[in-house]
Amino acid sequence: MDGSGETAPYLLYLLLINLVMIFLFWFTDLPQRIQLQRFASFVRGKLYVLEEMEAGARRKAVAYLGTVGVREPSKVIEGFVDNFFFIWPVGIEPTDIIRRLRHLIRTRESSVRDYVKRVLDSAERSVQYSVETVLEVVSVLRLLNKLVRHYLELGLKYNNLILLQYLVFQMPEIVEMARAYANSVDAFASGVPIGDGVGPLVAKMLVEWREPQREIVEGTDLYEVEVGGRRVYAIKASGPGSNVGWPGEALEKLVGELGGAVDRIITVDAALKLESEESGEVVYGTGAAIGDLGPEKIAIERIAESYSIPLDAILVKMSEAEALGPFTKKIYESVVKAYEMVRRTIVEKVKEGGTVVIVGVGNTVGIR
């Protein structure tokens, strides 16, 4: 006897299973649900990494706040991270939006500064600036975690495969950005210069490390030197604490005091590089090299346009991790190149006896 009679039920069973599987995969949303759970599992794994980064940054922040005299630093951090949010001004009617935006930014900064002063027993201003920045870093990491969790829960709630898929694609970039912020706590707490300080460092090198002539606006210093027979004013944030100052307002005030008698304005800043670009590349262009929300940049542009002053930009390209991390040898070598480019621009584009303003844009932590 052959075995066909015995194998027939088995073959029928396999055929039935195949038909059921075909039905499930072609006529139900089972594949999408499986994919949804795979995406969700991936995001949860990355979310765990983000939470560990936030926890690590918190531990470092607590340790730093304790060393500068803050009582109950954990409560201070918790009282900050979710309370000092910023609501963007109405943009549907753009009239005077810059003035409103500047007012809101200044109001928030004043509130943060008052909060820090209350929790610090006594500390010099540079320490206050650094404490503010450390709190802001922890706040950014908390916000990233909340946003990722929000979109994860939203995608699962509505079985939105596309939303979770987009989140999966974005997670490597989000994690890299979070890692840059988390690692920056060490730099701000220890007071070492960071990549974003290329502008202030170039300005300081140009004035040969002299003390500022005066504080032209709050948190922003003014220097005056002579370079090749040209009068050069340099503007940078007051150091050595973590501070970016108000370069646009400072430039407005200085040019107003000079009656517009300025032959050239040169802005120097760090810029995020493209993945195809080399870190440390120094480039020259036209415009205001500054990455603020708008008020400081437009102040620079408006004052240059009002008096028809040529406006140059010198940028040092770097990654976000390099911008928020301590200076590397490569970035410092690029600062020297940027300094030489500034000097060359002054000599080549401004006649002897002329006046130039250099605006060193960026965070001046570690740069007095």
Protein backbone atom coordinates (compact mmCIF):
# COMPACT_ATOMS: atom_id res chain seq x y z
CA MET A 1 0.00 0.00 0.00
CA ASP A 2 1.17 3.51 -0.73
CA GLY A 3 1.03 6.24 1.93
CA SER A 4 -1.26 8.60 0.02
CA GLY A 5 -4.16 7.90 2.32
CA GLU A 6 -2.11 8.83 5.37
CA THR A 7 -0.57 12.01 3.89
CA ALA A 8 -3.80 13.41 2.48
CA PRO A 9 -5.10 14.81 5.82
CA TYR A 10 -1.66 16.33 6.51
CA LEU A 11 -1.57 18.07 3.11
CA LEU A 12 -5.11 19.26 3.63
CA TYR A 13 -4.09 20.66 7.02
CA LEU A 14 -1.14 22.56 5.46
CA LEU A 15 -3.37 23.92 2.73
CA LEU A 16 -5.87 25.14 5.30
CA ILE A 17 -3.13 26.87 7.28
CA ASN A 18 -1.84 28.54 4.12
CA LEU A 19 -5.30 29.74 3.22
CA VAL A 20 -5.81 31.16 6.70
CA MET A 21 -2.42 32.92 6.56
CA ILE A 22 -3.18 34.34 3.12
CA PHE A 23 -6.52 35.59 4.37
CA LEU A 24 -4.99 37.20 7.45
CA PHE A 25 -2.20 38.89 5.52
CA TRP A 26 -4.25 39.99 2.52
CA PHE A 27 -7.64 40.77 3.97
CA THR A 28 -6.89 42.04 7.49
CA ASP A 29 -4.59 44.71 9.00
CA LEU A 30 -2.50 42.11 10.85
CA PRO A 31 0.74 42.93 8.94
CA GLN A 32 0.33 46.62 9.74
CA ARG A 33 -0.27 45.83 13.41
CA ILE A 34 2.85 43.66 13.53
CA GLN A 35 4.86 46.43 11.88
CA LEU A 36 3.32 48.96 14.26
CA GLN A 37 4.52 46.96 17.27
CA ARG A 38 7.98 46.54 15.74
CA PHE A 39 8.28 50.31 15.26
CA ALA A 40 6.93 50.94 18.76
CA SER A 41 9.46 48.50 20.24
CA PHE A 42 12.30 50.30 18.42
CA VAL A 43 11.16 53.72 19.65
CA ARG A 44 10.77 52.43 23.23
CA GLY A 45 14.36 51.22 23.13
CA LYS A 46 15.60 54.63 22.00
CA LEU A 47 13.34 56.34 24.52
CA TYR A 48 15.06 54.36 27.25
CA VAL A 49 18.41 55.70 25.97
CA LEU A 50 17.04 59.26 26.04
CA GLU A 51 15.75 58.81 29.58
CA GLU A 52 19.16 57.55 30.70
CA MET A 53 20.76 60.63 29.13
CA GLU A 54 18.35 62.90 30.96
CA ALA A 55 18.98 61.08 34.24
CA GLY A 56 22.74 61.36 33.72
CA ALA A 57 22.49 65.08 32.94
CA ARG A 58 20.35 65.56 36.05
CA ARG A 59 22.94 63.82 38.24
CA LYS A 60 25.69 66.04 36.85
CA ALA A 61 23.51 69.13 37.27
CA VAL A 62 22.73 68.22 40.88
CA ALA A 63 26.44 67.75 41.60
CA TYR A 64 27.33 71.07 39.96
CA LEU A 65 24.56 73.05 41.67
CA GLY A 66 25.67 71.61 44.98
CA THR A 67 29.22 72.86 44.47
CA VAL A 68 28.07 76.45 43.82
CA GLY A 69 25.94 76.67 46.94
CA VAL A 70 22.44 75.73 45.76
CA ARG A 71 20.37 74.12 48.51
CA GLU A 72 18.22 71.11 47.53
CA PRO A 73 19.42 71.11 43.89
CA SER A 74 17.05 68.30 42.87
CA LYS A 75 14.03 70.43 43.83
CA VAL A 76 15.55 73.43 42.08
CA ILE A 77 15.91 71.45 38.84
CA GLU A 78 12.39 70.02 39.11
CA GLY A 79 11.02 73.51 39.76
CA PHE A 80 12.66 74.76 36.59
CA VAL A 81 12.31 72.18 33.82
CA ASP A 82 8.55 72.33 33.29
CA ASN A 83 7.81 75.88 34.40
CA PHE A 84 9.81 78.28 32.23
CA PHE A 85 8.24 77.47 28.86
CA PHE A 86 8.02 79.97 26.02
CA ILE A 87 4.88 80.80 24.01
CA TRP A 88 5.61 82.09 20.52
CA PRO A 89 4.02 85.45 19.70
CA VAL A 90 1.12 85.71 17.23
CA GLY A 91 2.49 85.42 13.69
CA ILE A 92 -0.74 85.65 11.68
CA GLU A 93 -0.49 89.43 12.01
CA PRO A 94 3.25 90.08 11.59
CA THR A 95 3.31 93.81 12.39
CA ASP A 96 5.85 94.49 15.18
CA ILE A 97 6.38 90.73 15.71
CA ILE A 98 10.11 91.28 16.27
CA ARG A 99 9.48 93.78 19.05
CA ARG A 100 7.01 91.41 20.68
CA LEU A 101 9.38 88.47 20.30
CA ARG A 102 12.27 90.44 21.78
CA HIS A 103 10.06 91.50 24.71
CA LEU A 104 9.01 87.90 25.42
CA ILE A 105 12.59 86.61 25.17
CA ARG A 106 13.84 89.29 27.56
CA THR A 107 10.95 88.65 29.96
CA ARG A 108 11.66 84.92 30.06
CA GLU A 109 15.39 85.47 30.55
CA SER A 110 14.67 87.91 33.36
CA SER A 111 12.39 85.34 35.02
CA VAL A 112 15.03 82.62 34.72
CA ARG A 113 17.70 84.96 36.09
CA ASP A 114 15.52 85.89 39.08
CA TYR A 115 14.86 82.20 39.78
CA VAL A 116 18.57 81.40 39.75
CA LYS A 117 19.38 84.38 42.00
CA ARG A 118 16.82 83.14 44.52
CA VAL A 119 18.31 79.65 44.75
CA LEU A 120 21.94 80.82 44.83
CA ASP A 121 23.05 82.11 48.22
CA SER A 122 25.76 84.31 46.75
CA ALA A 123 27.67 83.91 43.52
CA GLU A 124 29.30 86.07 40.91
CA ARG A 125 27.43 86.72 37.69
CA SER A 126 29.47 84.28 35.59
CA VAL A 127 28.41 81.43 37.90
CA GLN A 128 24.78 82.52 37.63
CA TYR A 129 25.03 82.39 33.83
CA SER A 130 26.46 78.86 33.94
CA VAL A 131 23.77 77.67 36.35
CA GLU A 132 21.10 79.04 34.01
CA THR A 133 22.61 77.14 31.08
CA VAL A 134 22.87 73.85 32.97
CA LEU A 135 19.20 74.15 33.94
CA GLU A 136 18.28 74.91 30.32
CA VAL A 137 20.15 71.80 29.12
CA VAL A 138 18.25 69.54 31.52
CA SER A 139 15.03 71.24 30.42
CA VAL A 140 15.79 70.54 26.75
CA LEU A 141 16.42 66.85 27.48
CA ARG A 142 13.14 66.63 29.41
CA LEU A 143 11.30 68.24 26.48
CA LEU A 144 12.84 65.80 23.96
CA ASN A 145 11.75 62.85 26.08
CA LYS A 146 8.23 64.20 26.45
CA LEU A 147 7.88 64.85 22.71
CA VAL A 148 9.12 61.39 21.72
CA ARG A 149 6.82 59.72 24.24
CA HIS A 150 3.91 61.90 23.06
CA TYR A 151 4.26 60.82 19.43
CA LEU A 152 4.82 57.19 20.44
CA GLU A 153 1.63 57.13 22.49
CA LEU A 154 -0.25 59.05 19.79
CA GLY A 155 0.80 56.56 17.10
CA LEU A 156 -0.25 53.60 19.24
CA LYS A 157 -3.53 55.22 20.26
CA TYR A 158 -4.66 55.71 16.66
CA ASN A 159 -2.75 52.77 15.12
CA ASN A 160 -0.92 55.32 13.00
CA LEU A 161 1.78 53.32 11.24
CA ILE A 162 3.05 56.31 9.24
CA LEU A 163 3.56 58.45 12.34
CA LEU A 164 5.56 55.73 14.10
CA GLN A 165 7.53 55.03 10.94
CA TYR A 166 8.47 58.69 10.67
CA LEU A 167 9.46 58.68 14.35
CA VAL A 168 11.68 55.63 13.76
CA PHE A 169 13.42 57.45 10.92
CA GLN A 170 13.98 60.53 13.11
CA MET A 171 15.22 58.70 16.22
CA PRO A 172 18.93 58.46 15.27
CA GLU A 173 19.07 62.22 14.76
CA ILE A 174 17.12 62.89 17.96
CA VAL A 175 19.41 60.62 19.99
CA GLU A 176 22.51 62.27 18.54
CA MET A 177 21.17 65.72 19.41
CA ALA A 178 20.25 64.60 22.93
CA ARG A 179 23.71 63.10 23.43
CA ALA A 180 25.30 66.44 22.42
CA TYR A 181 23.20 68.28 25.02
CA ALA A 182 23.79 65.67 27.72
CA ASN A 183 27.56 65.78 27.22
CA SER A 184 27.57 69.59 27.27
CA VAL A 185 26.75 69.68 31.01
CA ASP A 186 30.36 68.79 31.84
CA ALA A 187 31.68 71.68 29.73
CA PHE A 188 29.31 74.26 31.21
CA ALA A 189 29.87 73.03 34.77
CA SER A 190 33.67 73.01 34.45
CA GLY A 191 33.78 76.33 32.60
CA VAL A 192 35.81 75.21 29.58
CA PRO A 193 35.33 76.85 26.15
CA ILE A 194 32.98 75.07 23.76
CA GLY A 195 32.77 74.98 19.97
CA ASP A 196 30.04 77.60 19.92
CA GLY A 197 32.56 80.01 21.45
CA VAL A 198 34.53 80.53 18.23
CA GLY A 199 33.06 84.01 17.71
CA PRO A 200 33.94 85.35 21.18
CA LEU A 201 37.36 83.70 21.00
CA VAL A 202 38.16 85.34 17.65
CA ALA A 203 37.07 88.70 19.08
CA LYS A 204 39.25 88.19 22.14
CA MET A 205 42.26 87.21 20.02
CA LEU A 206 41.74 90.30 17.86
CA VAL A 207 41.91 92.63 20.89
CA GLU A 208 44.98 90.74 22.16
CA TRP A 209 43.22 89.48 25.30
CA ARG A 210 42.73 92.96 26.76
CA GLU A 211 40.11 93.79 29.36
CA PRO A 212 36.87 95.25 27.98
CA GLN A 213 36.52 98.98 27.64
CA ARG A 214 33.01 98.79 29.10
CA GLU A 215 29.84 96.73 29.27
CA ILE A 216 27.90 98.33 26.45
CA VAL A 217 24.63 96.49 27.24
CA GLU A 218 23.81 93.91 29.88
CA GLY A 219 26.05 90.87 29.55
CA THR A 220 27.84 92.23 26.46
CA ASP A 221 31.32 93.79 26.42
CA LEU A 222 32.91 96.35 24.11
CA TYR A 223 36.61 96.51 23.19
CA GLU A 224 38.54 99.05 21.12
CA VAL A 225 41.89 98.45 19.41
CA GLU A 226 43.84 99.49 16.32
CA VAL A 227 44.60 97.03 13.54
CA GLY A 228 46.84 98.23 10.69
CA GLY A 229 45.83 101.84 11.13
CA ARG A 230 42.12 101.03 11.33
CA ARG A 231 40.03 101.61 14.43
CA VAL A 232 38.42 98.32 15.41
CA TYR A 233 35.58 97.83 17.90
CA ALA A 234 34.91 94.29 19.08
CA ILE A 235 31.69 93.09 20.69
CA LYS A 236 31.36 89.81 22.59
CA ALA A 237 29.33 88.37 25.45
CA SER A 238 30.69 88.96 28.95
CA GLY A 239 32.65 85.95 30.19
CA PRO A 240 33.78 83.62 31.52
CA GLY A 241 30.34 82.25 32.43
CA SER A 242 27.98 80.61 29.95
CA ASN A 243 26.53 83.65 28.22
CA VAL A 244 25.67 84.78 24.68
CA GLY A 245 24.84 88.42 25.50
CA TRP A 246 22.82 90.73 23.26
CA PRO A 247 25.06 91.36 20.22
CA GLY A 248 22.33 92.95 18.09
CA GLU A 249 21.37 95.49 20.75
CA ALA A 250 25.05 96.18 21.48
CA LEU A 251 25.75 96.85 17.79
CA GLU A 252 22.72 99.16 17.54
CA LYS A 253 23.94 101.18 20.51
CA LEU A 254 27.56 101.38 19.31
CA VAL A 255 26.75 102.41 15.73
CA GLY A 256 24.30 104.98 17.08
CA GLU A 257 26.99 106.43 19.34
CA LEU A 258 29.35 106.62 16.35
CA GLY A 259 26.70 108.38 14.27
CA GLY A 260 26.81 105.60 11.69
CA ALA A 261 30.46 106.32 10.87
CA VAL A 262 31.37 102.66 10.43
CA ASP A 263 32.97 101.33 7.25
CA ARG A 264 32.30 97.63 7.79
CA ILE A 265 30.65 95.17 10.17
CA ILE A 266 32.08 91.64 10.41
CA THR A 267 30.17 88.94 12.27
CA VAL A 268 31.90 85.71 13.35
CA ASP A 269 30.05 82.62 14.55
CA ALA A 270 29.94 78.83 14.55
CA ALA A 271 27.63 77.14 12.05
CA LEU A 272 26.28 73.58 11.88
CA LYS A 273 27.95 71.72 9.05
CA LEU A 274 26.30 69.49 6.50
CA GLU A 275 27.20 65.80 6.71
CA SER A 276 29.11 66.19 3.45
CA GLU A 277 31.25 69.00 4.88
CA GLU A 278 34.44 68.83 6.93
CA SER A 279 34.47 69.99 10.54
CA GLY A 280 36.48 73.15 11.02
CA GLU A 281 35.94 74.54 7.52
CA VAL A 282 36.11 78.34 7.60
CA VAL A 283 33.92 80.18 5.08
CA TYR A 284 33.36 83.82 4.20
CA GLY A 285 30.06 85.32 3.10
CA THR A 286 27.63 88.20 3.39
CA GLY A 287 25.04 88.78 6.10
CA ALA A 288 24.57 88.48 9.85
CA ALA A 289 26.21 85.32 11.19
CA ILE A 290 24.01 84.64 14.21
CA GLY A 291 21.54 81.88 15.03
CA ASP A 292 19.16 83.52 17.49
CA LEU A 293 15.36 83.38 17.27
CA GLY A 294 15.30 86.60 15.24
CA PRO A 295 15.52 89.83 17.28
CA GLU A 296 19.33 90.04 17.50
CA LYS A 297 19.86 89.06 13.87
CA ILE A 298 17.36 91.55 12.53
CA ALA A 299 18.88 94.27 14.73
CA ILE A 300 22.25 93.67 13.06
CA GLU A 301 20.70 93.67 9.59
CA ARG A 302 18.65 96.81 10.23
CA ILE A 303 21.53 98.87 11.60
CA ALA A 304 23.72 97.83 8.66
CA GLU A 305 20.98 98.73 6.17
CA SER A 306 20.14 102.04 7.89
CA TYR A 307 23.68 103.36 7.43
CA SER A 308 24.54 101.37 4.26
CA ILE A 309 27.34 99.53 6.06
CA PRO A 310 28.70 96.38 4.33
CA LEU A 311 27.92 93.32 6.44
CA ASP A 312 30.29 90.34 6.30
CA ALA A 313 29.96 86.87 7.84
CA ILE A 314 32.74 84.46 8.76
CA LEU A 315 31.63 80.99 9.84
CA VAL A 316 33.40 77.99 11.31
CA LYS A 317 31.57 74.78 10.36
CA MET A 318 31.10 72.04 12.97
CA SER A 319 28.68 69.35 14.14
CA GLU A 320 26.18 69.88 16.94
CA ALA A 321 28.26 67.72 19.27
CA GLU A 322 31.32 69.86 18.53
CA ALA A 323 29.34 73.07 19.02
CA LEU A 324 28.18 72.00 22.49
CA GLY A 325 31.36 70.18 23.50
CA PRO A 326 34.81 71.39 24.58
CA PHE A 327 37.15 72.75 21.93
CA THR A 328 38.91 70.13 19.88
CA LYS A 329 42.31 70.71 18.31
CA LYS A 330 40.70 70.89 14.88
CA ILE A 331 38.17 73.53 15.92
CA TYR A 332 40.82 75.62 17.66
CA GLU A 333 42.98 75.54 14.50
CA SER A 334 39.92 76.78 12.60
CA VAL A 335 39.53 79.64 15.10
CA VAL A 336 43.07 80.74 14.26
CA LYS A 337 42.17 80.64 10.54
CA ALA A 338 39.02 82.67 11.21
CA TYR A 339 41.07 85.21 13.18
CA GLU A 340 43.51 85.55 10.28
CA MET A 341 40.59 85.93 7.86
CA VAL A 342 39.12 88.73 10.00
CA ARG A 343 42.44 90.59 10.06
CA ARG A 344 42.86 90.14 6.30
CA THR A 345 39.33 91.41 5.66
CA ILE A 346 39.98 94.50 7.80
CA VAL A 347 43.19 95.36 5.96
CA GLU A 348 41.95 94.57 2.46
CA LYS A 349 38.44 96.02 2.62
CA VAL A 350 38.75 99.01 4.93
CA LYS A 351 41.01 101.94 4.13
CA GLU A 352 43.46 103.30 6.72
CA GLY A 353 41.76 105.53 9.25
CA GLY A 354 38.49 103.66 8.78
CA THR A 355 36.31 102.08 11.45
CA VAL A 356 35.32 98.41 11.70
CA VAL A 357 33.04 96.58 14.14
CA ILE A 358 33.67 92.90 14.84
CA VAL A 359 30.79 90.99 16.43
CA GLY A 360 31.94 87.73 18.02
CA VAL A 361 28.69 85.76 18.25
CA GLY A 362 28.34 82.71 20.47
CA ASN A 363 28.63 81.29 23.95
CA THR A 364 31.58 82.77 25.82
CA VAL A 365 31.86 80.10 28.54
CA GLY A 366 35.52 79.80 29.56
CA ILE A 367 36.48 82.96 27.61
CA ARG A 368 36.90 85.98 29.87
